[in-house]
Protein backbone atom coordinates (compact mmCIF):
# COMPACT_ATOMS: atom_id res chain seq x y z
CA MET A 1 9.89 9.06 -6.74
CA ALA A 2 10.20 11.74 -4.11
CA GLY A 3 12.13 10.67 -1.02
CA HIS A 4 9.80 12.37 1.45
CA SER A 5 6.88 10.21 0.33
CA LYS A 6 8.75 6.92 0.16
CA TRP A 7 6.88 5.29 3.04
CA ALA A 8 3.52 6.15 1.49
CA ASN A 9 4.60 4.50 -1.73
CA ILE A 10 5.82 1.38 0.09
CA GLN A 11 2.32 0.64 1.35
CA HIS A 12 1.16 0.19 -2.22
CA ARG A 13 4.34 -1.45 -3.52
CA LYS A 14 4.91 -3.96 -0.71
CA GLY A 15 2.45 -6.54 -2.00
CA ARG A 16 3.62 -5.93 -5.52
CA GLN A 17 7.25 -6.62 -4.60
CA ASP A 18 6.25 -9.90 -2.96
CA LYS A 19 4.64 -10.96 -6.23
CA LEU A 20 7.64 -9.92 -8.29
CA ARG A 21 10.08 -11.78 -6.05
CA SER A 22 8.95 -15.07 -7.55
CA LYS A 23 10.45 -13.87 -10.85
CA LEU A 24 13.51 -12.25 -9.35
CA PHE A 25 16.02 -15.11 -9.35
CA SER A 26 15.35 -15.98 -12.98
CA LYS A 27 15.95 -12.37 -14.00
CA LEU A 28 19.11 -12.15 -11.92
CA ALA A 29 20.37 -15.39 -13.47
CA LYS A 30 19.67 -14.02 -16.94
CA ASP A 31 21.59 -10.82 -16.16
CA ILE A 32 24.57 -12.86 -14.96
CA ALA A 33 24.53 -15.17 -17.97
CA ILE A 34 24.32 -12.27 -20.42
CA ALA A 35 27.18 -10.44 -18.70
CA SER A 36 29.31 -13.61 -18.62
CA LYS A 37 28.63 -14.33 -22.28
CA ILE A 38 29.48 -10.80 -23.41
CA GLY A 39 32.50 -10.04 -21.23
CA GLY A 40 33.77 -13.38 -19.94
CA PRO A 41 33.32 -15.30 -16.68
CA ASP A 42 35.91 -13.46 -14.56
CA PRO A 43 34.16 -10.70 -12.54
CA ASP A 44 37.49 -9.00 -11.86
CA MET A 45 37.85 -8.41 -15.60
CA ASN A 46 34.16 -7.92 -16.36
CA PRO A 47 32.53 -4.93 -14.58
CA ARG A 48 29.04 -5.78 -15.83
CA LEU A 49 29.31 -9.32 -14.45
CA ARG A 50 30.70 -8.01 -11.18
CA LEU A 51 27.68 -5.73 -10.71
CA ALA A 52 25.27 -8.51 -11.67
CA ILE A 53 26.81 -10.82 -9.06
CA VAL A 54 26.71 -8.08 -6.40
CA ASN A 55 22.99 -7.58 -7.06
CA ALA A 56 22.34 -11.32 -6.93
CA LYS A 57 24.15 -11.60 -3.60
CA GLY A 58 22.21 -8.60 -2.31
CA GLN A 59 19.00 -10.53 -2.99
CA SER A 60 20.35 -13.66 -1.24
CA MET A 61 20.63 -15.68 -4.43
CA PRO A 62 22.46 -18.96 -3.61
CA LYS A 63 26.10 -19.20 -4.70
CA ASP A 64 25.41 -22.36 -6.72
CA ASN A 65 22.73 -20.53 -8.73
CA ILE A 66 25.13 -17.67 -9.41
CA GLN A 67 27.89 -20.00 -10.57
CA ARG A 68 25.52 -21.94 -12.84
CA ALA A 69 24.47 -18.69 -14.48
CA VAL A 70 28.10 -17.64 -14.97
CA ASP A 71 28.97 -21.01 -16.48
CA LYS A 72 25.92 -20.95 -18.74
CA GLY A 73 26.89 -17.61 -20.19
CA ALA A 74 30.56 -18.47 -20.54
CA GLY A 75 29.68 -21.71 -22.31
CA GLY A 76 27.51 -19.92 -24.83
CA GLU A 77 24.44 -21.87 -23.77
CA GLY A 78 20.93 -20.54 -24.04
CA ASP A 79 19.39 -17.91 -26.26
CA ASP A 80 21.11 -14.80 -27.54
CA TYR A 81 19.75 -11.87 -25.58
CA GLU A 82 20.23 -8.21 -26.30
CA ASP A 83 19.49 -5.17 -24.19
CA ILE A 84 16.79 -2.83 -25.43
CA ARG A 85 15.14 0.31 -24.08
CA TYR A 86 11.57 1.44 -24.64
CA GLU A 87 10.18 4.87 -23.87
CA GLY A 88 6.65 6.14 -23.58
CA PHE A 89 4.11 8.28 -21.80
CA GLY A 90 1.68 7.16 -19.15
CA PRO A 91 -1.48 8.83 -17.81
CA GLY A 92 -1.10 12.53 -17.05
CA GLY A 93 1.98 12.85 -19.26
CA ILE A 94 4.15 10.77 -16.92
CA GLY A 95 7.35 9.65 -18.65
CA PHE A 96 8.28 5.95 -18.57
CA ILE A 97 11.56 4.24 -19.45
CA VAL A 98 11.50 0.45 -19.74
CA GLU A 99 14.68 -1.62 -19.89
CA ALA A 100 14.53 -5.21 -21.15
CA SER A 101 16.74 -8.09 -22.24
CA THR A 102 15.24 -10.13 -25.04
CA ASP A 103 15.93 -12.81 -27.62
CA ASN A 104 12.93 -11.69 -29.68
CA LYS A 105 12.52 -7.93 -30.13
CA ASN A 106 9.18 -8.22 -31.90
CA ARG A 107 7.66 -10.24 -29.06
CA THR A 108 8.93 -7.89 -26.38
CA ALA A 109 7.97 -4.71 -28.24
CA MET A 110 4.43 -6.02 -28.73
CA ALA A 111 4.10 -6.92 -25.04
CA VAL A 112 5.40 -3.54 -23.89
CA ARG A 113 3.23 -1.65 -26.40
CA THR A 114 0.17 -3.60 -25.24
CA ALA A 115 0.91 -2.78 -21.59
CA PHE A 116 1.06 0.91 -22.46
CA SER A 117 -2.09 0.96 -24.60
CA LYS A 118 -4.22 -1.02 -22.15
CA ASN A 119 -3.30 1.22 -19.22
CA GLY A 120 -3.74 4.74 -20.51
CA GLY A 121 -0.32 5.19 -22.05
CA ASN A 122 1.45 5.36 -25.39
CA MET A 123 4.80 3.90 -26.38
CA GLY A 124 6.98 6.50 -28.10
CA GLU A 125 10.18 6.63 -30.11
CA THR A 126 13.64 6.30 -28.61
CA GLY A 127 14.55 9.67 -27.12
CA SER A 128 10.97 10.86 -26.69
CA VAL A 129 11.19 10.56 -22.90
CA SER A 130 14.82 9.99 -21.89
CA PHE A 131 15.71 13.67 -22.28
CA MET A 132 13.64 14.28 -19.12
CA PHE A 133 15.79 11.84 -17.13
CA ASP A 134 19.42 11.51 -16.09
CA GLN A 135 21.13 8.14 -16.06
CA VAL A 136 22.94 7.93 -12.73
CA GLY A 137 24.51 5.38 -10.44
CA LYS A 138 22.54 4.10 -7.45
CA ILE A 139 24.07 2.06 -4.61
CA GLU A 140 22.07 0.72 -1.67
CA TYR A 141 23.31 -0.50 1.71
CA PRO A 142 21.24 -1.76 4.65
CA LEU A 143 21.05 0.69 7.56
CA ASP A 144 22.87 -1.67 9.90
CA VAL A 145 26.23 -1.37 8.11
CA THR A 146 26.87 2.07 9.63
CA ASP A 147 25.26 5.31 10.78
CA GLU A 148 24.03 8.09 8.52
CA ASP A 149 26.95 10.49 9.07
CA THR A 150 29.60 7.83 8.48
CA MET A 151 27.95 6.67 5.28
CA MET A 152 27.58 10.22 4.01
CA GLU A 153 31.25 10.98 4.71
CA ALA A 154 32.42 7.74 3.08
CA ALA A 155 30.22 8.28 0.03
CA ILE A 156 31.43 11.82 -0.58
CA ASP A 157 35.05 10.80 -0.04
CA ALA A 158 34.56 8.02 -2.61
CA GLY A 159 33.30 10.52 -5.20
CA ALA A 160 29.53 10.16 -4.84
CA ASP A 161 27.17 13.07 -5.48
CA ASP A 162 24.77 12.48 -2.61
CA CYS A 163 23.64 10.05 0.08
CA GLU A 164 20.12 9.62 1.46
CA THR A 165 19.28 7.56 4.53
CA ASP A 166 15.81 6.17 5.26
CA GLN A 167 14.35 6.39 8.71
CA PRO A 168 14.38 3.05 10.59
CA ALA A 169 11.28 0.99 9.92
CA THR A 170 8.38 1.18 12.37
CA ASP A 171 6.23 -1.81 13.26
CA GLN A 172 4.01 -0.97 10.29
CA TRP A 173 6.92 -1.58 7.91
CA ASP A 174 8.67 -4.47 9.66
CA GLU A 175 9.10 -6.41 6.40
CA PHE A 176 10.70 -3.50 4.54
CA GLU A 177 14.42 -2.96 4.87
CA PRO A 178 15.29 0.75 4.91
CA VAL A 179 18.58 1.62 3.24
CA HIS A 180 21.34 4.13 2.68
CA THR A 181 21.05 5.23 -0.96
CA ILE A 182 24.18 6.61 -2.58
CA TRP A 183 23.86 8.53 -5.85
CA THR A 184 26.73 8.95 -8.30
CA ALA A 185 27.36 10.33 -11.76
CA ARG A 186 26.99 7.63 -14.40
CA ASP A 187 30.71 7.42 -15.12
CA ASP A 188 31.66 7.44 -11.42
CA LEU A 189 29.66 4.36 -10.39
CA GLY A 190 32.50 1.98 -11.29
CA ASN A 191 34.85 3.79 -8.91
CA VAL A 192 32.50 4.64 -6.05
CA ALA A 193 31.00 1.16 -5.64
CA PRO A 194 34.38 -0.63 -5.12
CA ALA A 195 35.54 2.09 -2.73
CA LEU A 196 32.46 1.65 -0.56
CA ALA A 197 32.71 -2.14 -0.80
CA GLU A 198 36.21 -1.98 0.68
CA LYS A 199 34.84 -0.15 3.69
CA PHE A 200 31.38 -1.72 4.15
CA GLY A 201 31.41 -4.97 2.14
CA ASP A 202 29.10 -5.85 -0.75
CA ALA A 203 26.19 -3.50 -1.33
CA LYS A 204 22.58 -4.63 -1.40
CA SER A 205 22.42 -3.39 -4.99
CA VAL A 206 24.52 -1.45 -7.49
CA ASN A 207 22.76 -0.20 -10.62
CA LEU A 208 22.60 2.40 -13.33
CA VAL A 209 19.12 3.92 -13.13
CA TRP A 210 17.08 6.58 -14.88
CA LYS A 211 16.20 9.39 -12.47
CA GLY A 212 13.63 12.02 -13.42
CA GLN A 213 14.93 15.57 -13.54
CA ASN A 214 11.61 16.97 -12.34
CA ASP A 215 9.05 14.57 -10.91
CA ILE A 216 5.41 15.24 -11.77
CA ASP A 217 2.88 15.63 -8.94
CA ASN A 218 -0.49 14.45 -10.27
CA PRO A 219 -2.48 12.64 -7.56
CA GLU A 220 -5.45 11.99 -9.86
CA ALA A 221 -3.25 9.83 -12.11
CA ALA A 222 -1.76 7.73 -9.29
CA ALA A 223 -3.89 4.62 -9.71
CA GLN A 224 -3.44 4.51 -13.48
CA VAL A 225 0.31 5.11 -13.21
CA MET A 226 0.69 2.23 -10.76
CA ARG A 227 -1.40 -0.07 -12.95
CA LEU A 228 0.78 0.75 -15.93
CA GLN A 229 3.95 0.15 -13.92
CA ASP A 230 2.59 -3.20 -12.71
CA ALA A 231 1.67 -4.23 -16.27
CA LEU A 232 5.12 -3.33 -17.60
CA GLU A 233 6.85 -5.21 -14.78
CA ASP A 234 4.72 -8.25 -15.60
CA VAL A 235 6.33 -8.52 -19.06
CA ASP A 236 8.78 -11.43 -18.77
CA ASP A 237 11.60 -9.73 -20.67
CA VAL A 238 11.42 -6.46 -18.71
CA ASN A 239 14.19 -5.87 -16.19
CA ASP A 240 13.43 -2.38 -14.86
CA VAL A 241 10.76 0.28 -15.12
CA PHE A 242 11.46 3.94 -14.33
CA HIS A 243 9.11 6.94 -14.32
CA ASN A 244 9.00 10.55 -13.19
CA PHE A 245 5.78 10.36 -11.17
CA GLU A 246 5.92 11.83 -7.66
CA MET A 247 4.22 9.59 -5.13
CA SER A 248 3.09 12.44 -2.89
CA GLU A 249 0.99 11.99 0.23
CA ALA A 250 -2.05 13.10 -1.77
CA ALA A 251 -1.31 10.52 -4.47
CA ALA A 252 -0.89 7.78 -1.88
CA ALA A 253 -4.22 8.75 -0.35
CA THR A 254 -5.97 8.17 -3.67
CA LEU A 255 -4.46 4.69 -3.81
CA ALA A 256 -5.68 3.91 -0.33
CA GLU A 257 -9.20 4.59 -1.53
CA GLU A 258 -8.94 2.06 -4.39
């Protein structure tokens, strides 16, 4: 989503994020368990586990919960999950990429397909949408760790491609935490994140994300796009939903009229 319209998008997404938070810890625990099961319980030797733990800490997940998830994965307990990616088109030709972890591909595929079809979209084949996106690294730090210039300098020195800093929240957005967002090439994330952690401590989040190459400005489709995103995020096995819709001021205005 376009950076200049981020605050407009937050107005719509704020209530949605509150709803999703009730599911957050279970998803974080699943990510940790999967990483521990695949690569072992030592985060120093398992980059995927290290990132999963960083994200859990960034969301204030209790240490005991984190350790239980690590132990569960290392002990081979629980279901066998595998990562899977779905692609499709939403209203107005908006591209969607959906990442999930599932122990039943048929169940998850049906739920994702239903979310698309009931909200003006169509699930496509693998590769039908991803060519319009780049997979890149995304690191977020709260604003209070340092000022904009210092973060930019540190990010570039560490090998990042770019750094964006939100404006401090006004009274209207008191409950939203603005952040420094550092962007990296996919293969550079594993080097940039530790370098910044040495200087600023653990990040709020460290992830590989799908970033649209050219976001689509289509205000008339805003409400349908948001409904589709909400429906996809409601699928229990879904971890992340990405799209190339630009939440412009005009698009946000149409949402305000809903």
